[in-house]
Amino acid sequence: MTWTAYRTVNRMLHMSKRMNEWRLLCNEMMSMKRVAVSFSVGVDSTVLLAAAADALPNDHIAVFADIALLSERQRKNSYDIAARLNANIVSIELSWDDMPFVRDNGADRCYHCKRAIYSAVERIASANGYDICVDGENLSDRPEERPGRRAAVEFGIRSPLKDLGIERDVVDKMLADLRLSVNIQKETCMATRLPQSVPFTEKDVRFVEECEDIIRSISGVRQIRMRLTDSRAQLLASPDETEMLVSNEEDISSALYKKGIRKICIDMNGYRG
C-alpha cells in the first residue's frame, strides 16, 4: 500500500469511528425523550446541542444563561449557532445579584457562577416541561481544572459526552463536520483574564473585552486572551495564530498603551484551552 493510500484508509477509519460516536450521541439524546441543554456557546455545548436538535427536533431546548462575564461576541453567536442548527433556544439574563460571590474572584468563583447558571437552566427547563438537563463536559475535562463541576453534580446535570467516553479531539472534529460557518472559539469567561483573589467590577470586565477587540482588529487573530495584571498584559492567541500577534506587536503595544497598558508580553506557547 502506498503512503497516500494508507493515509486515505486511515482517514476513512477515523471518520467511520467519529460517525459511530455521533450516532451514539444522538441515540443517547433520543433516549432522554425531552432534554434541556445548558448552552454556553462553546465547542462542547454546540456539538451537544447539534445532537439534541438532530435527535429530538421538537423535544429539546437550549438554555443560554446571559451573564456579565460573557463577551458581546458570545451573545451574538448564541443565536447564530442555534439558527444554523435549527435549535430551540431560550435566553435568560443573570445579573451580578444573581451570582453572589463571583465578583469577589476567589478560588471558588467558578463554582458560584456555575451554580447560578445551572439554577437558571433548571428553572427554565422545569417551566417548559423538561426533566433532564445536560452540559458539554467531555472525557478530557479534568475535575481539578473545572471547579464549577461540583455545581453540576448538585443540580443533577448530566454529561452525555463524558458518559459516552468522547474526548476533546473527537468533539473538535465533530464540530468541524457540522460546518456551521460560525466562528466558534474555545472561549472562557472574562474573569479568567483578571488576577484571582482580586475583586473586580463590571468596568474591569468590559475594559478587557474592549482591549481584546482592539487586538483582533489589528492582528486579525480569531482567538485571544489578554491576562491583565496592573498595567501589564500577557497576550495568548491559539498556537497557529501566535505569529500574527508577533508581527503586529508594535501596533498592538501602541494601541493598548493608549488604554493605560504599559507593557505587553506575548506567550509564544499560545493558548491551548
Protein backbone atom coordinates (compact mmCIF):
# COMPACT_ATOMS: atom_id res chain seq x y z
CA MET A 1 0.00 0.00 0.00
CA THR A 2 1.33 3.43 -0.92
CA TRP A 3 1.66 6.19 1.70
CA THR A 4 -1.18 8.16 0.06
CA ALA A 5 -3.45 5.11 0.10
CA TYR A 6 -2.54 4.43 3.73
CA ARG A 7 -3.40 7.98 4.73
CA THR A 8 -6.72 7.77 2.86
CA VAL A 9 -7.69 4.49 4.55
CA ASN A 10 -6.59 5.81 7.95
CA ARG A 11 -8.66 8.97 7.48
CA MET A 12 -11.70 6.92 6.46
CA LEU A 13 -11.33 4.72 9.55
CA HIS A 14 -11.20 7.77 11.79
CA MET A 15 -14.24 9.26 10.04
CA SER A 16 -16.12 5.97 10.45
CA LYS A 17 -15.29 5.90 14.17
CA ARG A 18 -16.39 9.51 14.56
CA MET A 19 -19.65 8.86 12.73
CA ASN A 20 -20.28 5.94 15.08
CA GLU A 21 -19.69 8.16 18.10
CA TRP A 22 -22.03 10.77 16.62
CA ARG A 23 -24.73 8.12 16.25
CA LEU A 24 -24.16 7.04 19.85
CA LEU A 25 -24.51 10.64 20.98
CA CYS A 26 -27.72 11.14 19.01
CA ASN A 27 -29.11 7.86 20.35
CA GLU A 28 -28.29 8.99 23.88
CA MET A 29 -30.18 12.23 23.27
CA MET A 30 -33.11 10.31 21.84
CA SER A 31 -33.26 8.06 24.90
CA MET A 32 -33.85 11.12 27.07
CA LYS A 33 -37.14 11.87 25.25
CA ARG A 34 -37.03 15.58 26.18
CA VAL A 35 -33.83 17.41 27.06
CA ALA A 36 -32.62 20.88 28.05
CA VAL A 37 -29.05 21.74 27.01
CA SER A 38 -27.03 24.16 29.11
CA PHE A 39 -25.70 26.12 26.14
CA SER A 40 -22.50 28.09 26.77
CA VAL A 41 -21.76 28.82 23.08
CA GLY A 42 -18.53 26.81 23.40
CA VAL A 43 -17.39 23.91 21.24
CA ASP A 44 -18.67 21.14 23.51
CA SER A 45 -22.14 22.51 24.16
CA THR A 46 -22.54 23.38 20.47
CA VAL A 47 -21.88 19.79 19.45
CA LEU A 48 -24.20 18.57 22.19
CA LEU A 49 -26.95 20.94 21.03
CA ALA A 50 -26.45 19.80 17.44
CA ALA A 51 -27.04 16.20 18.52
CA ALA A 52 -30.11 17.17 20.54
CA ALA A 53 -31.58 19.14 17.62
CA ASP A 54 -30.86 16.24 15.27
CA ALA A 55 -32.29 13.52 17.52
CA LEU A 56 -35.13 15.47 19.13
CA PRO A 57 -36.11 18.26 16.75
CA ASN A 58 -39.27 19.10 18.68
CA ASP A 59 -38.25 17.95 22.14
CA HIS A 60 -35.12 19.87 23.01
CA ILE A 61 -34.33 23.33 24.28
CA ALA A 62 -31.08 25.25 24.56
CA VAL A 63 -30.89 27.42 27.66
CA PHE A 64 -28.40 30.24 27.26
CA ALA A 65 -27.51 31.97 30.53
CA ASP A 66 -26.60 35.52 29.58
CA ILE A 67 -24.14 36.55 32.29
CA ALA A 68 -21.99 39.66 32.52
CA LEU A 69 -18.83 37.56 32.19
CA LEU A 70 -19.59 36.82 28.55
CA SER A 71 -18.46 38.94 25.63
CA GLU A 72 -20.85 40.51 23.14
CA ARG A 73 -19.43 38.12 20.53
CA GLN A 74 -20.63 35.15 22.56
CA ARG A 75 -24.11 36.63 22.94
CA LYS A 76 -24.44 37.12 19.20
CA ASN A 77 -23.06 33.66 18.48
CA SER A 78 -25.66 32.00 20.72
CA TYR A 79 -28.49 32.91 18.35
CA ASP A 80 -26.44 32.46 15.16
CA ILE A 81 -25.47 28.92 16.16
CA ALA A 82 -28.98 27.99 17.27
CA ALA A 83 -30.39 29.25 13.97
CA ARG A 84 -27.92 27.20 11.93
CA LEU A 85 -28.70 24.08 13.96
CA ASN A 86 -32.48 24.66 13.80
CA ALA A 87 -32.34 24.51 17.58
CA ASN A 88 -34.87 25.93 20.01
CA ILE A 89 -33.23 28.48 22.30
CA VAL A 90 -34.24 30.46 25.36
CA SER A 91 -32.00 33.14 26.84
CA ILE A 92 -32.12 34.19 30.47
CA GLU A 93 -30.19 37.18 31.74
CA LEU A 94 -28.42 36.84 35.08
CA SER A 95 -27.30 39.95 36.94
CA TRP A 96 -24.42 40.24 39.38
CA ASP A 97 -27.01 39.93 42.17
CA ASP A 98 -27.92 36.50 40.77
CA MET A 99 -24.28 35.44 41.11
CA PRO A 100 -23.24 36.23 44.69
CA PHE A 101 -19.51 35.95 45.49
CA VAL A 102 -18.46 35.81 41.82
CA ARG A 103 -17.02 39.33 41.76
CA ASP A 104 -15.02 38.52 44.90
CA ASN A 105 -12.93 36.49 42.44
CA GLY A 106 -11.95 33.83 44.94
CA ALA A 107 -10.83 30.30 44.20
CA ASP A 108 -14.49 29.19 44.30
CA ARG A 109 -15.62 31.80 41.75
CA CYS A 110 -16.41 29.21 39.08
CA TYR A 111 -18.48 27.17 41.49
CA HIS A 112 -20.70 30.12 42.39
CA CYS A 113 -21.00 31.14 38.74
CA LYS A 114 -21.95 27.65 37.58
CA ARG A 115 -24.37 27.28 40.46
CA ALA A 116 -26.21 30.39 39.29
CA ILE A 117 -26.19 29.17 35.68
CA TYR A 118 -27.43 25.65 36.45
CA SER A 119 -30.09 27.03 38.75
CA ALA A 120 -31.36 29.16 35.85
CA VAL A 121 -31.14 26.24 33.40
CA GLU A 122 -33.10 24.02 35.75
CA ARG A 123 -35.71 26.73 36.32
CA ILE A 124 -36.26 27.33 32.59
CA ALA A 125 -36.25 23.60 31.84
CA SER A 126 -38.82 22.85 34.52
CA ALA A 127 -41.08 25.68 33.37
CA ASN A 128 -41.06 24.23 29.85
CA GLY A 129 -41.60 20.61 30.87
CA TYR A 130 -38.05 19.29 30.59
CA ASP A 131 -36.88 16.95 33.35
CA ILE A 132 -33.37 16.23 32.06
CA CYS A 133 -30.64 18.88 31.82
CA VAL A 134 -27.28 18.23 30.17
CA ASP A 135 -23.98 20.06 29.78
CA GLY A 136 -20.99 19.75 27.45
CA GLU A 137 -18.34 18.26 29.72
CA ASN A 138 -16.28 15.69 27.83
CA LEU A 139 -13.98 12.87 28.90
CA SER A 140 -10.85 15.03 28.56
CA ASP A 141 -12.06 17.59 31.09
CA ARG A 142 -10.19 17.25 34.38
CA PRO A 143 -12.22 17.76 37.57
CA GLU A 144 -9.35 19.65 39.22
CA GLU A 145 -9.45 22.17 36.35
CA ARG A 146 -13.22 22.61 36.48
CA PRO A 147 -14.25 23.78 39.97
CA GLY A 148 -17.72 24.51 38.64
CA ARG A 149 -18.27 20.78 38.20
CA ARG A 150 -19.42 20.48 41.81
CA ALA A 151 -22.42 22.66 40.97
CA ALA A 152 -23.37 20.36 38.09
CA VAL A 153 -23.40 17.39 40.45
CA GLU A 154 -25.52 19.28 42.97
CA PHE A 155 -28.13 20.07 40.31
CA GLY A 156 -28.07 16.61 38.73
CA ILE A 157 -26.79 17.87 35.37
CA ARG A 158 -25.87 15.01 33.06
CA SER A 159 -22.85 15.00 30.72
CA PRO A 160 -23.51 12.74 27.70
CA LEU A 161 -20.14 13.38 26.02
CA LYS A 162 -18.27 12.28 29.12
CA ASP A 163 -20.63 9.37 29.81
CA LEU A 164 -20.05 8.04 26.29
CA GLY A 165 -16.27 8.39 26.61
CA ILE A 166 -16.00 11.09 23.94
CA GLU A 167 -12.78 13.11 24.25
CA ARG A 168 -11.99 16.70 23.27
CA ASP A 169 -10.24 15.93 19.99
CA VAL A 170 -13.28 13.98 18.78
CA VAL A 171 -15.59 16.83 19.79
CA ASP A 172 -13.42 19.27 17.80
CA LYS A 173 -13.69 17.06 14.73
CA MET A 174 -17.44 16.67 15.18
CA LEU A 175 -17.74 20.45 15.21
CA ALA A 176 -15.69 20.68 12.00
CA ASP A 177 -18.01 18.12 10.41
CA LEU A 178 -21.01 20.35 11.19
CA ARG A 179 -19.57 23.16 9.01
CA LEU A 180 -21.56 25.83 10.78
CA SER A 181 -19.82 28.83 9.18
CA VAL A 182 -19.81 30.50 12.60
CA ASN A 183 -16.55 31.49 14.25
CA ILE A 184 -16.72 29.27 17.35
CA GLN A 185 -13.65 29.53 19.55
CA LYS A 186 -12.71 27.86 22.80
CA GLU A 187 -13.97 30.66 25.00
CA THR A 188 -13.51 31.14 28.72
CA CYS A 189 -15.30 33.67 30.88
CA MET A 190 -13.85 37.17 31.00
CA ALA A 191 -12.92 36.78 34.69
CA THR A 192 -10.09 34.42 33.69
CA ARG A 193 -8.29 37.48 32.32
CA LEU A 194 -8.15 39.14 35.73
CA PRO A 195 -5.92 38.26 38.73
CA GLN A 196 -7.55 35.70 41.00
CA SER A 197 -8.41 36.81 44.55
CA VAL A 198 -8.57 40.46 43.44
CA PRO A 199 -12.21 41.65 43.35
CA PHE A 200 -13.30 43.09 40.01
CA THR A 201 -16.07 45.29 38.67
CA GLU A 202 -18.24 45.36 35.56
CA LYS A 203 -15.96 48.11 34.28
CA ASP A 204 -12.92 45.81 34.55
CA VAL A 205 -14.65 43.11 32.51
CA ARG A 206 -15.72 45.49 29.75
CA PHE A 207 -12.22 47.01 29.64
CA VAL A 208 -10.66 43.63 28.89
CA GLU A 209 -13.30 42.88 26.26
CA GLU A 210 -12.63 46.21 24.55
CA CYS A 211 -8.87 45.60 24.54
CA GLU A 212 -9.27 42.12 23.07
CA ASP A 213 -11.44 43.55 20.29
CA ILE A 214 -8.68 46.06 19.55
CA ILE A 215 -6.11 43.25 19.35
CA ARG A 216 -8.33 41.29 16.96
CA SER A 217 -8.84 44.29 14.70
CA ILE A 218 -5.10 45.00 14.49
CA SER A 219 -3.74 41.46 14.17
CA GLY A 220 -6.60 39.50 12.60
CA VAL A 221 -6.44 36.73 15.21
CA ARG A 222 -9.67 34.91 15.96
CA GLN A 223 -8.82 33.68 19.44
CA ILE A 224 -7.20 35.94 22.02
CA ARG A 225 -6.72 36.05 25.78
CA MET A 226 -5.42 39.20 27.43
CA ARG A 227 -4.46 38.39 31.00
CA LEU A 228 -4.18 41.62 32.89
CA THR A 229 -2.05 42.38 35.95
CA ASP A 230 -1.99 46.03 36.97
CA SER A 231 -0.81 47.87 33.83
CA ARG A 232 0.79 44.81 32.23
CA ALA A 233 -0.85 42.35 29.84
CA GLN A 234 0.05 38.84 28.75
CA LEU A 235 -1.35 38.02 25.32
CA LEU A 236 -2.20 34.50 24.19
CA ALA A 237 -3.53 33.51 20.79
CA SER A 238 -4.05 29.97 19.51
CA PRO A 239 -0.68 28.37 18.60
CA ASP A 240 -1.32 28.71 14.87
CA GLU A 241 -2.09 32.43 15.24
CA THR A 242 0.63 33.47 17.70
CA GLU A 243 2.88 34.70 14.89
CA MET A 244 0.10 37.12 13.90
CA LEU A 245 0.47 38.75 17.32
CA VAL A 246 4.25 38.90 16.98
CA SER A 247 4.16 40.52 13.55
CA ASN A 248 1.77 43.20 14.86
CA GLU A 249 3.33 43.59 18.30
CA GLU A 250 4.38 47.22 17.86
CA ASP A 251 0.93 48.39 16.72
CA ILE A 252 -0.80 46.38 19.44
CA SER A 253 1.52 47.77 22.09
CA SER A 254 0.89 51.33 20.89
CA ALA A 255 -2.90 50.89 20.87
CA LEU A 256 -3.00 49.29 24.32
CA TYR A 257 -0.65 51.93 25.73
CA LYS A 258 -3.33 54.49 24.95
CA LYS A 259 -5.69 52.39 27.09
CA GLY A 260 -3.30 52.53 30.04
CA ILE A 261 -1.46 49.23 29.50
CA ARG A 262 2.25 49.99 29.80
CA LYS A 263 3.73 46.63 28.84
CA ILE A 264 2.64 43.60 26.84
CA CYS A 265 4.15 40.13 26.72
CA ILE A 266 3.23 37.58 24.05
CA ASP A 267 3.13 33.97 25.24
CA MET A 268 4.88 32.05 22.46
CA ASN A 269 3.37 28.75 23.59
CA GLY A 270 -0.08 30.01 22.68
CA TYR A 271 -3.44 29.31 24.27
CA ARG A 272 -4.48 25.67 24.18
CA GLY A 273 -7.56 25.65 26.41
